[in-house]
Amino acid sequence: MLAVRVIPRARKTEIAGTREDALLVRLAAPPVEGAANEALIEFLADRLHVARRAVRIVSGERGRAKRVAVSGVTAQQILARL
């Protein structure tokens, strides 16, 4: 599990460090009709070099604080790739 804090409508999509023990991700997508969630999944899949279907939002779909599950990689691999 990966704790993620998102900031939608940012200038560009990027990792911006950590906040409150969670990975801080700025997303260019707006938080409308799941666009930010889709952008987060796409961004994390690309950064972690896994298929899009391997990244899943477990909780927090409607909030900024999310828990994301990534299958096919270990926690150490996630930290190394981010």
N, C-alpha and C. Protein backbone atom coordinates (compact mmCIF):
# COMPACT_ATOMS: atom_id res chain seq x y z
N MET A 1 0.84 -1.19 0.00
CA MET A 1 0.00 0.00 0.00
C MET A 1 0.88 1.24 0.00
N LEU A 2 0.42 2.21 -0.71
CA LEU A 2 1.13 3.47 -0.84
C LEU A 2 0.17 4.58 -0.44
N ALA A 3 0.57 5.40 0.53
CA ALA A 3 -0.25 6.55 0.92
C ALA A 3 0.11 7.71 0.00
N VAL A 4 -0.92 8.30 -0.60
CA VAL A 4 -0.71 9.38 -1.57
C VAL A 4 -1.60 10.55 -1.21
N ARG A 5 -1.05 11.75 -1.31
CA ARG A 5 -1.83 12.98 -1.13
C ARG A 5 -1.78 13.71 -2.46
N VAL A 6 -2.92 13.99 -3.06
CA VAL A 6 -2.95 14.62 -4.38
C VAL A 6 -3.35 16.09 -4.30
N ILE A 7 -2.81 16.85 -5.23
CA ILE A 7 -3.18 18.25 -5.41
C ILE A 7 -3.62 18.38 -6.86
N PRO A 8 -4.93 18.40 -7.11
CA PRO A 8 -5.41 18.52 -8.49
C PRO A 8 -5.26 19.94 -9.03
N ARG A 9 -5.39 20.06 -10.35
CA ARG A 9 -5.31 21.34 -11.05
C ARG A 9 -3.96 22.03 -10.86
N ALA A 10 -2.91 21.27 -10.77
CA ALA A 10 -1.56 21.83 -10.66
C ALA A 10 -1.09 22.23 -12.06
N ARG A 11 0.00 22.96 -12.11
CA ARG A 11 0.54 23.40 -13.40
C ARG A 11 0.98 22.21 -14.24
N LYS A 12 1.61 21.22 -13.59
CA LYS A 12 2.01 20.00 -14.29
C LYS A 12 1.95 18.82 -13.34
N THR A 13 1.90 17.63 -13.88
CA THR A 13 1.84 16.42 -13.07
C THR A 13 3.25 16.03 -12.67
N GLU A 14 3.46 15.93 -11.35
CA GLU A 14 4.79 15.62 -10.83
C GLU A 14 4.72 15.18 -9.37
N ILE A 15 5.80 14.56 -8.92
CA ILE A 15 5.93 14.22 -7.50
C ILE A 15 6.55 15.42 -6.82
N ALA A 16 5.96 15.83 -5.71
CA ALA A 16 6.39 17.05 -5.03
C ALA A 16 6.87 16.77 -3.61
N GLY A 17 7.40 15.57 -3.36
CA GLY A 17 7.91 15.24 -2.03
C GLY A 17 6.92 14.45 -1.22
N THR A 18 6.94 14.70 0.09
CA THR A 18 6.02 14.01 0.99
C THR A 18 5.31 15.03 1.88
N ARG A 19 4.16 14.62 2.37
CA ARG A 19 3.40 15.44 3.32
C ARG A 19 2.63 14.50 4.22
N GLU A 20 2.82 14.64 5.52
CA GLU A 20 2.12 13.81 6.51
C GLU A 20 2.29 12.32 6.21
N ASP A 21 3.52 11.88 5.99
CA ASP A 21 3.86 10.48 5.71
C ASP A 21 3.19 9.93 4.45
N ALA A 22 2.88 10.78 3.51
CA ALA A 22 2.28 10.35 2.25
C ALA A 22 3.04 10.99 1.09
N LEU A 23 3.07 10.29 -0.02
CA LEU A 23 3.69 10.81 -1.22
C LEU A 23 2.80 11.94 -1.75
N LEU A 24 3.39 13.10 -2.01
CA LEU A 24 2.64 14.25 -2.50
C LEU A 24 2.76 14.30 -4.02
N VAL A 25 1.62 14.19 -4.70
CA VAL A 25 1.60 14.19 -6.16
C VAL A 25 0.74 15.35 -6.64
N ARG A 26 1.32 16.20 -7.46
CA ARG A 26 0.58 17.28 -8.10
C ARG A 26 0.06 16.76 -9.43
N LEU A 27 -1.23 16.95 -9.67
CA LEU A 27 -1.87 16.46 -10.89
C LEU A 27 -2.42 17.63 -11.71
N ALA A 28 -2.14 17.63 -12.99
CA ALA A 28 -2.66 18.67 -13.87
C ALA A 28 -4.17 18.51 -14.09
N ALA A 29 -4.68 17.32 -13.91
CA ALA A 29 -6.10 17.03 -14.14
C ALA A 29 -6.98 17.64 -13.05
N PRO A 30 -8.20 18.04 -13.41
CA PRO A 30 -9.14 18.55 -12.40
C PRO A 30 -9.82 17.39 -11.67
N PRO A 31 -10.34 17.66 -10.47
CA PRO A 31 -11.01 16.61 -9.71
C PRO A 31 -12.48 16.45 -10.12
N VAL A 32 -12.71 16.30 -11.41
CA VAL A 32 -14.07 16.24 -11.94
C VAL A 32 -14.27 14.90 -12.65
N GLU A 33 -15.34 14.19 -12.29
CA GLU A 33 -15.72 12.93 -12.92
C GLU A 33 -14.58 11.91 -12.98
N GLY A 34 -13.77 11.87 -11.93
CA GLY A 34 -12.71 10.87 -11.84
C GLY A 34 -11.47 11.16 -12.66
N ALA A 35 -11.38 12.33 -13.25
CA ALA A 35 -10.23 12.66 -14.10
C ALA A 35 -8.92 12.66 -13.31
N ALA A 36 -8.95 13.18 -12.09
CA ALA A 36 -7.72 13.21 -11.28
C ALA A 36 -7.31 11.79 -10.87
N ASN A 37 -8.27 10.94 -10.55
CA ASN A 37 -7.95 9.56 -10.19
C ASN A 37 -7.33 8.82 -11.38
N GLU A 38 -7.88 9.01 -12.56
CA GLU A 38 -7.33 8.38 -13.76
C GLU A 38 -5.93 8.89 -14.04
N ALA A 39 -5.72 10.19 -13.87
CA ALA A 39 -4.39 10.78 -14.09
C ALA A 39 -3.39 10.23 -13.09
N LEU A 40 -3.82 10.04 -11.84
CA LEU A 40 -2.94 9.48 -10.82
C LEU A 40 -2.54 8.05 -11.16
N ILE A 41 -3.49 7.24 -11.56
CA ILE A 41 -3.21 5.84 -11.93
C ILE A 41 -2.23 5.79 -13.10
N GLU A 42 -2.50 6.60 -14.10
CA GLU A 42 -1.64 6.65 -15.29
C GLU A 42 -0.23 7.09 -14.92
N PHE A 43 -0.11 8.13 -14.12
CA PHE A 43 1.18 8.67 -13.72
C PHE A 43 1.98 7.65 -12.90
N LEU A 44 1.34 7.03 -11.91
CA LEU A 44 2.05 6.06 -11.08
C LEU A 44 2.45 4.82 -11.88
N ALA A 45 1.59 4.36 -12.77
CA ALA A 45 1.93 3.20 -13.60
C ALA A 45 3.15 3.50 -14.46
N ASP A 46 3.19 4.70 -15.01
CA ASP A 46 4.32 5.10 -15.85
C ASP A 46 5.61 5.20 -15.03
N ARG A 47 5.53 5.85 -13.88
CA ARG A 47 6.73 6.04 -13.03
C ARG A 47 7.24 4.73 -12.45
N LEU A 48 6.33 3.80 -12.16
CA LEU A 48 6.72 2.53 -11.54
C LEU A 48 6.99 1.43 -12.56
N HIS A 49 6.81 1.74 -13.84
CA HIS A 49 7.06 0.78 -14.92
C HIS A 49 6.21 -0.49 -14.76
N VAL A 50 4.93 -0.28 -14.48
CA VAL A 50 3.98 -1.40 -14.38
C VAL A 50 2.80 -1.09 -15.29
N ALA A 51 2.00 -2.12 -15.56
CA ALA A 51 0.80 -1.92 -16.36
C ALA A 51 -0.21 -1.08 -15.59
N ARG A 52 -1.04 -0.37 -16.32
CA ARG A 52 -2.05 0.48 -15.70
C ARG A 52 -2.98 -0.32 -14.78
N ARG A 53 -3.28 -1.55 -15.17
CA ARG A 53 -4.18 -2.39 -14.37
C ARG A 53 -3.56 -2.85 -13.07
N ALA A 54 -2.24 -2.68 -12.90
CA ALA A 54 -1.55 -3.07 -11.68
C ALA A 54 -1.69 -2.01 -10.58
N VAL A 55 -2.16 -0.83 -10.94
CA VAL A 55 -2.32 0.27 -9.98
C VAL A 55 -3.81 0.44 -9.70
N ARG A 56 -4.15 0.45 -8.41
CA ARG A 56 -5.57 0.51 -8.03
C ARG A 56 -5.73 1.40 -6.80
N ILE A 57 -6.69 2.30 -6.83
CA ILE A 57 -6.99 3.15 -5.67
C ILE A 57 -7.88 2.33 -4.74
N VAL A 58 -7.37 2.06 -3.54
CA VAL A 58 -8.08 1.23 -2.57
C VAL A 58 -9.06 2.07 -1.76
N SER A 59 -8.63 3.26 -1.35
CA SER A 59 -9.53 4.14 -0.60
C SER A 59 -9.19 5.59 -0.90
N GLY A 60 -10.17 6.45 -0.71
CA GLY A 60 -9.96 7.87 -0.91
C GLY A 60 -10.28 8.35 -2.31
N GLU A 61 -11.14 7.66 -3.02
CA GLU A 61 -11.45 8.05 -4.40
C GLU A 61 -12.05 9.45 -4.50
N ARG A 62 -12.71 9.90 -3.46
CA ARG A 62 -13.35 11.21 -3.51
C ARG A 62 -12.60 12.27 -2.69
N GLY A 63 -11.46 11.92 -2.14
CA GLY A 63 -10.71 12.88 -1.34
C GLY A 63 -9.29 13.05 -1.86
N ARG A 64 -8.54 13.91 -1.20
CA ARG A 64 -7.15 14.13 -1.60
C ARG A 64 -6.21 13.09 -1.03
N ALA A 65 -6.56 12.52 0.12
CA ALA A 65 -5.74 11.48 0.74
C ALA A 65 -6.20 10.12 0.20
N LYS A 66 -5.29 9.39 -0.41
CA LYS A 66 -5.64 8.12 -1.04
C LYS A 66 -4.69 7.03 -0.59
N ARG A 67 -5.16 5.80 -0.68
CA ARG A 67 -4.32 4.62 -0.48
C ARG A 67 -4.34 3.86 -1.79
N VAL A 68 -3.14 3.61 -2.30
CA VAL A 68 -3.01 3.00 -3.62
C VAL A 68 -2.28 1.67 -3.49
N ALA A 69 -2.82 0.66 -4.13
CA ALA A 69 -2.18 -0.66 -4.17
C ALA A 69 -1.52 -0.83 -5.54
N VAL A 70 -0.29 -1.34 -5.50
CA VAL A 70 0.44 -1.59 -6.74
C VAL A 70 0.87 -3.05 -6.72
N SER A 71 0.39 -3.82 -7.68
CA SER A 71 0.77 -5.23 -7.72
C SER A 71 1.92 -5.43 -8.69
N GLY A 72 2.73 -6.43 -8.38
CA GLY A 72 3.85 -6.77 -9.25
C GLY A 72 5.17 -6.14 -8.89
N VAL A 73 5.18 -5.29 -7.85
CA VAL A 73 6.44 -4.68 -7.39
C VAL A 73 6.48 -4.71 -5.87
N THR A 74 7.68 -4.71 -5.32
CA THR A 74 7.84 -4.68 -3.87
C THR A 74 7.92 -3.23 -3.39
N ALA A 75 7.83 -3.05 -2.09
CA ALA A 75 7.92 -1.71 -1.51
C ALA A 75 9.27 -1.08 -1.81
N GLN A 76 10.33 -1.87 -1.78
CA GLN A 76 11.67 -1.35 -2.09
C GLN A 76 11.75 -0.91 -3.54
N GLN A 77 11.16 -1.64 -4.45
CA GLN A 77 11.16 -1.25 -5.86
C GLN A 77 10.38 0.03 -6.07
N ILE A 78 9.27 0.19 -5.35
CA ILE A 78 8.49 1.41 -5.45
C ILE A 78 9.32 2.61 -5.01
N LEU A 79 9.96 2.50 -3.87
CA LEU A 79 10.79 3.61 -3.38
C LEU A 79 11.92 3.94 -4.32
N ALA A 80 12.54 2.93 -4.91
CA ALA A 80 13.65 3.17 -5.83
C ALA A 80 13.18 3.86 -7.11
N ARG A 81 11.99 3.53 -7.58
CA ARG A 81 11.50 4.08 -8.84
C ARG A 81 10.86 5.45 -8.71
N LEU A 82 10.47 5.81 -7.51
CA LEU A 82 9.89 7.13 -7.30
C LEU A 82 10.99 8.10 -6.97
